[in-house]
N, C-alpha and C. Protein backbone atom coordinates (compact mmCIF):
# COMPACT_ATOMS: atom_id res chain seq x y z
N MET A 1 -35.93 20.86 27.60
CA MET A 1 -35.97 19.42 27.76
C MET A 1 -34.89 18.80 26.86
N LEU A 2 -34.10 17.90 27.43
CA LEU A 2 -33.02 17.25 26.70
C LEU A 2 -33.54 16.08 25.86
N THR A 3 -32.98 15.95 24.68
CA THR A 3 -33.33 14.79 23.87
C THR A 3 -32.61 13.56 24.42
N GLU A 4 -33.00 12.42 23.95
CA GLU A 4 -32.36 11.17 24.38
C GLU A 4 -30.85 11.21 24.20
N PHE A 5 -30.40 11.71 23.06
CA PHE A 5 -28.97 11.73 22.78
C PHE A 5 -28.24 12.80 23.59
N GLU A 6 -28.87 13.94 23.78
CA GLU A 6 -28.24 15.01 24.56
C GLU A 6 -28.02 14.57 26.00
N SER A 7 -28.95 13.84 26.55
CA SER A 7 -28.79 13.40 27.94
C SER A 7 -27.69 12.34 28.07
N ARG A 8 -27.37 11.66 26.98
CA ARG A 8 -26.34 10.62 27.01
C ARG A 8 -24.98 11.13 26.55
N ARG A 9 -24.90 12.41 26.28
CA ARG A 9 -23.68 12.99 25.72
C ARG A 9 -22.41 12.64 26.51
N PRO A 10 -22.36 12.82 27.83
CA PRO A 10 -21.13 12.48 28.56
C PRO A 10 -20.74 11.01 28.41
N ALA A 11 -21.70 10.13 28.48
CA ALA A 11 -21.41 8.70 28.34
C ALA A 11 -20.94 8.37 26.93
N LEU A 12 -21.54 9.01 25.93
CA LEU A 12 -21.13 8.77 24.55
C LEU A 12 -19.70 9.24 24.31
N LEU A 13 -19.36 10.42 24.84
CA LEU A 13 -18.00 10.92 24.69
C LEU A 13 -17.00 10.04 25.42
N ALA A 14 -17.36 9.57 26.60
CA ALA A 14 -16.48 8.66 27.35
C ALA A 14 -16.30 7.36 26.58
N GLY A 15 -17.36 6.87 25.97
CA GLY A 15 -17.26 5.65 25.16
C GLY A 15 -16.33 5.83 23.97
N LEU A 16 -16.39 6.98 23.34
CA LEU A 16 -15.47 7.26 22.23
C LEU A 16 -14.02 7.29 22.70
N ARG A 17 -13.79 7.86 23.87
CA ARG A 17 -12.45 7.92 24.44
C ARG A 17 -11.92 6.50 24.70
N VAL A 18 -12.76 5.64 25.23
CA VAL A 18 -12.39 4.25 25.49
C VAL A 18 -12.11 3.52 24.17
N ALA A 19 -12.95 3.74 23.17
CA ALA A 19 -12.76 3.09 21.88
C ALA A 19 -11.45 3.52 21.23
N ALA A 20 -11.13 4.80 21.31
CA ALA A 20 -9.87 5.29 20.73
C ALA A 20 -8.68 4.68 21.45
N SER A 21 -8.76 4.58 22.75
CA SER A 21 -7.68 3.97 23.53
C SER A 21 -7.52 2.49 23.19
N ALA A 22 -8.62 1.79 23.06
CA ALA A 22 -8.59 0.37 22.71
C ALA A 22 -8.01 0.18 21.31
N ARG A 23 -8.39 1.05 20.37
CA ARG A 23 -7.87 0.97 19.00
C ARG A 23 -6.35 1.15 19.00
N ALA A 24 -5.86 2.11 19.77
CA ALA A 24 -4.42 2.35 19.83
C ALA A 24 -3.70 1.13 20.40
N ALA A 25 -4.27 0.52 21.42
CA ALA A 25 -3.66 -0.67 22.02
C ALA A 25 -3.65 -1.84 21.04
N LEU A 26 -4.74 -2.02 20.30
CA LEU A 26 -4.81 -3.09 19.30
C LEU A 26 -3.84 -2.84 18.15
N ASP A 27 -3.72 -1.60 17.72
CA ASP A 27 -2.76 -1.27 16.65
C ASP A 27 -1.34 -1.58 17.09
N ALA A 28 -1.00 -1.24 18.33
CA ALA A 28 0.34 -1.52 18.86
C ALA A 28 0.58 -3.03 18.95
N ALA A 29 -0.41 -3.77 19.41
CA ALA A 29 -0.27 -5.22 19.51
C ALA A 29 -0.10 -5.83 18.12
N GLU A 30 -0.89 -5.38 17.15
CA GLU A 30 -0.78 -5.89 15.78
C GLU A 30 0.61 -5.63 15.22
N SER A 31 1.12 -4.44 15.43
CA SER A 31 2.46 -4.10 14.94
C SER A 31 3.51 -5.01 15.55
N GLU A 32 3.46 -5.18 16.85
CA GLU A 32 4.44 -6.03 17.52
C GLU A 32 4.38 -7.47 17.00
N LEU A 33 3.17 -7.99 16.84
CA LEU A 33 3.01 -9.35 16.34
C LEU A 33 3.49 -9.49 14.90
N ALA A 34 3.18 -8.52 14.06
CA ALA A 34 3.59 -8.58 12.66
C ALA A 34 5.11 -8.52 12.54
N ILE A 35 5.74 -7.65 13.31
CA ILE A 35 7.20 -7.54 13.29
C ILE A 35 7.84 -8.83 13.76
N ALA A 36 7.35 -9.36 14.87
CA ALA A 36 7.90 -10.61 15.41
C ALA A 36 7.70 -11.76 14.44
N ALA A 37 6.54 -11.83 13.81
CA ALA A 37 6.26 -12.91 12.86
C ALA A 37 7.20 -12.82 11.66
N ARG A 38 7.41 -11.62 11.17
CA ARG A 38 8.30 -11.44 10.03
C ARG A 38 9.73 -11.84 10.38
N LEU A 39 10.18 -11.41 11.55
CA LEU A 39 11.54 -11.76 11.98
C LEU A 39 11.67 -13.26 12.28
N ALA A 40 10.54 -13.91 12.54
CA ALA A 40 10.54 -15.35 12.77
C ALA A 40 10.51 -16.13 11.45
N GLY A 41 10.42 -15.41 10.34
CA GLY A 41 10.49 -16.06 9.04
C GLY A 41 9.20 -16.12 8.25
N CYS A 42 8.12 -15.56 8.77
CA CYS A 42 6.86 -15.54 8.02
C CYS A 42 7.01 -14.64 6.80
N THR A 43 6.36 -15.00 5.71
CA THR A 43 6.43 -14.20 4.50
C THR A 43 5.43 -13.05 4.58
N TRP A 44 5.65 -12.06 3.71
CA TRP A 44 4.71 -10.94 3.63
C TRP A 44 3.34 -11.46 3.22
N THR A 45 3.30 -12.46 2.37
CA THR A 45 2.03 -13.04 1.95
C THR A 45 1.29 -13.66 3.12
N GLU A 46 2.00 -14.41 3.96
CA GLU A 46 1.37 -15.02 5.14
C GLU A 46 0.82 -13.95 6.07
N LEU A 47 1.59 -12.90 6.28
CA LEU A 47 1.12 -11.81 7.15
C LEU A 47 -0.11 -11.14 6.55
N GLY A 48 -0.06 -10.91 5.24
CA GLY A 48 -1.17 -10.26 4.58
C GLY A 48 -2.46 -11.06 4.68
N VAL A 49 -2.37 -12.36 4.54
CA VAL A 49 -3.56 -13.21 4.65
C VAL A 49 -4.18 -13.06 6.04
N GLN A 50 -3.37 -13.07 7.06
CA GLN A 50 -3.88 -12.97 8.43
C GLN A 50 -4.48 -11.60 8.74
N LEU A 51 -3.94 -10.57 8.09
CA LEU A 51 -4.39 -9.20 8.37
C LEU A 51 -5.42 -8.69 7.36
N GLY A 52 -5.74 -9.49 6.36
CA GLY A 52 -6.69 -9.06 5.36
C GLY A 52 -6.13 -7.99 4.44
N LEU A 53 -4.82 -8.06 4.20
CA LEU A 53 -4.14 -7.10 3.34
C LEU A 53 -3.43 -7.84 2.22
N SER A 54 -3.08 -7.10 1.19
CA SER A 54 -2.25 -7.70 0.15
C SER A 54 -0.82 -7.82 0.66
N ARG A 55 -0.03 -8.64 -0.02
CA ARG A 55 1.38 -8.79 0.33
C ARG A 55 2.07 -7.42 0.29
N GLN A 56 1.76 -6.65 -0.75
CA GLN A 56 2.36 -5.34 -0.90
C GLN A 56 1.91 -4.38 0.20
N GLY A 57 0.63 -4.47 0.57
CA GLY A 57 0.11 -3.59 1.60
C GLY A 57 0.74 -3.83 2.96
N VAL A 58 0.89 -5.09 3.32
CA VAL A 58 1.48 -5.39 4.62
C VAL A 58 2.97 -5.07 4.62
N ARG A 59 3.62 -5.28 3.48
CA ARG A 59 5.04 -4.95 3.38
C ARG A 59 5.24 -3.44 3.53
N LYS A 60 4.40 -2.68 2.87
CA LYS A 60 4.50 -1.22 2.95
C LYS A 60 4.28 -0.74 4.38
N ARG A 61 3.33 -1.37 5.08
CA ARG A 61 2.99 -0.95 6.43
C ARG A 61 4.08 -1.28 7.44
N TYR A 62 4.73 -2.44 7.30
CA TYR A 62 5.62 -2.92 8.36
C TYR A 62 7.09 -3.05 8.00
N ARG A 63 7.46 -2.89 6.74
CA ARG A 63 8.84 -3.13 6.33
C ARG A 63 9.84 -2.28 7.12
N ALA A 64 9.61 -0.99 7.23
CA ALA A 64 10.55 -0.12 7.94
C ALA A 64 10.68 -0.52 9.40
N ALA A 65 9.58 -0.89 10.03
CA ALA A 65 9.63 -1.29 11.44
C ALA A 65 10.39 -2.60 11.60
N VAL A 66 10.20 -3.53 10.66
CA VAL A 66 10.94 -4.80 10.72
C VAL A 66 12.43 -4.53 10.61
N HIS A 67 12.80 -3.68 9.67
CA HIS A 67 14.22 -3.39 9.48
C HIS A 67 14.80 -2.62 10.66
N ALA A 68 14.04 -1.73 11.23
CA ALA A 68 14.52 -1.00 12.41
C ALA A 68 14.72 -1.96 13.58
N ARG A 69 13.80 -2.88 13.76
CA ARG A 69 13.91 -3.84 14.85
C ARG A 69 15.08 -4.79 14.63
N ALA A 70 15.28 -5.19 13.39
CA ALA A 70 16.35 -6.13 13.07
C ALA A 70 17.72 -5.46 13.22
N GLY A 71 17.76 -4.15 13.03
CA GLY A 71 19.01 -3.43 13.19
C GLY A 71 19.77 -3.22 11.89
N ALA A 72 19.45 -3.99 10.87
CA ALA A 72 20.11 -3.84 9.57
C ALA A 72 19.25 -4.53 8.53
N ASP A 73 19.32 -4.04 7.30
CA ASP A 73 18.52 -4.63 6.24
C ASP A 73 18.78 -6.11 6.08
N ASP A 74 20.04 -6.52 6.17
CA ASP A 74 20.33 -7.92 5.91
C ASP A 74 20.00 -8.83 7.10
N ALA A 75 19.52 -8.28 8.20
CA ALA A 75 19.09 -9.11 9.32
C ALA A 75 17.74 -9.75 9.04
N ASP A 76 17.00 -9.19 8.11
CA ASP A 76 15.72 -9.79 7.70
C ASP A 76 16.06 -10.88 6.70
N PRO A 77 15.81 -12.14 7.04
CA PRO A 77 16.23 -13.24 6.17
C PRO A 77 15.62 -13.19 4.78
N PHE A 78 14.52 -12.49 4.60
CA PHE A 78 13.87 -12.43 3.31
C PHE A 78 14.28 -11.20 2.52
N PHE A 79 15.11 -10.35 3.12
CA PHE A 79 15.52 -9.13 2.43
C PHE A 79 16.67 -9.39 1.46
N GLN A 80 17.54 -10.31 1.82
CA GLN A 80 18.71 -10.55 1.00
C GLN A 80 18.31 -10.97 -0.40
N ARG A 81 18.95 -10.37 -1.35
CA ARG A 81 18.66 -10.70 -2.75
C ARG A 81 19.49 -11.92 -3.15
N ARG A 82 18.90 -12.70 -3.97
CA ARG A 82 19.61 -13.88 -4.44
C ARG A 82 20.69 -13.45 -5.42
N SER A 83 21.84 -14.00 -5.24
CA SER A 83 22.93 -13.67 -6.17
C SER A 83 22.71 -14.39 -7.49
N ARG A 84 23.06 -13.74 -8.54
CA ARG A 84 22.93 -14.35 -9.86
C ARG A 84 24.19 -15.12 -10.15
N ALA A 85 24.01 -16.37 -10.43
CA ALA A 85 25.18 -17.21 -10.71
C ALA A 85 25.29 -17.53 -12.18
């Protein structure tokens, strides 16, 4: 005799597959939005607030992708260092 959970095993596994697929889609959407927002001039702090991360955490997560999308480090308006006068 099957237990309640054993009889639901195929549905549970299918549900996990759907959840994993949805998570991947949400992660991709988040990345695209974060990159676009940064290139639009949003600060790392602003992105972090929206994502529930620290400024450093969001920068660590997305900095390389922002720079790759921009094509060069200096294409990110916030990357350029201020010259000392």
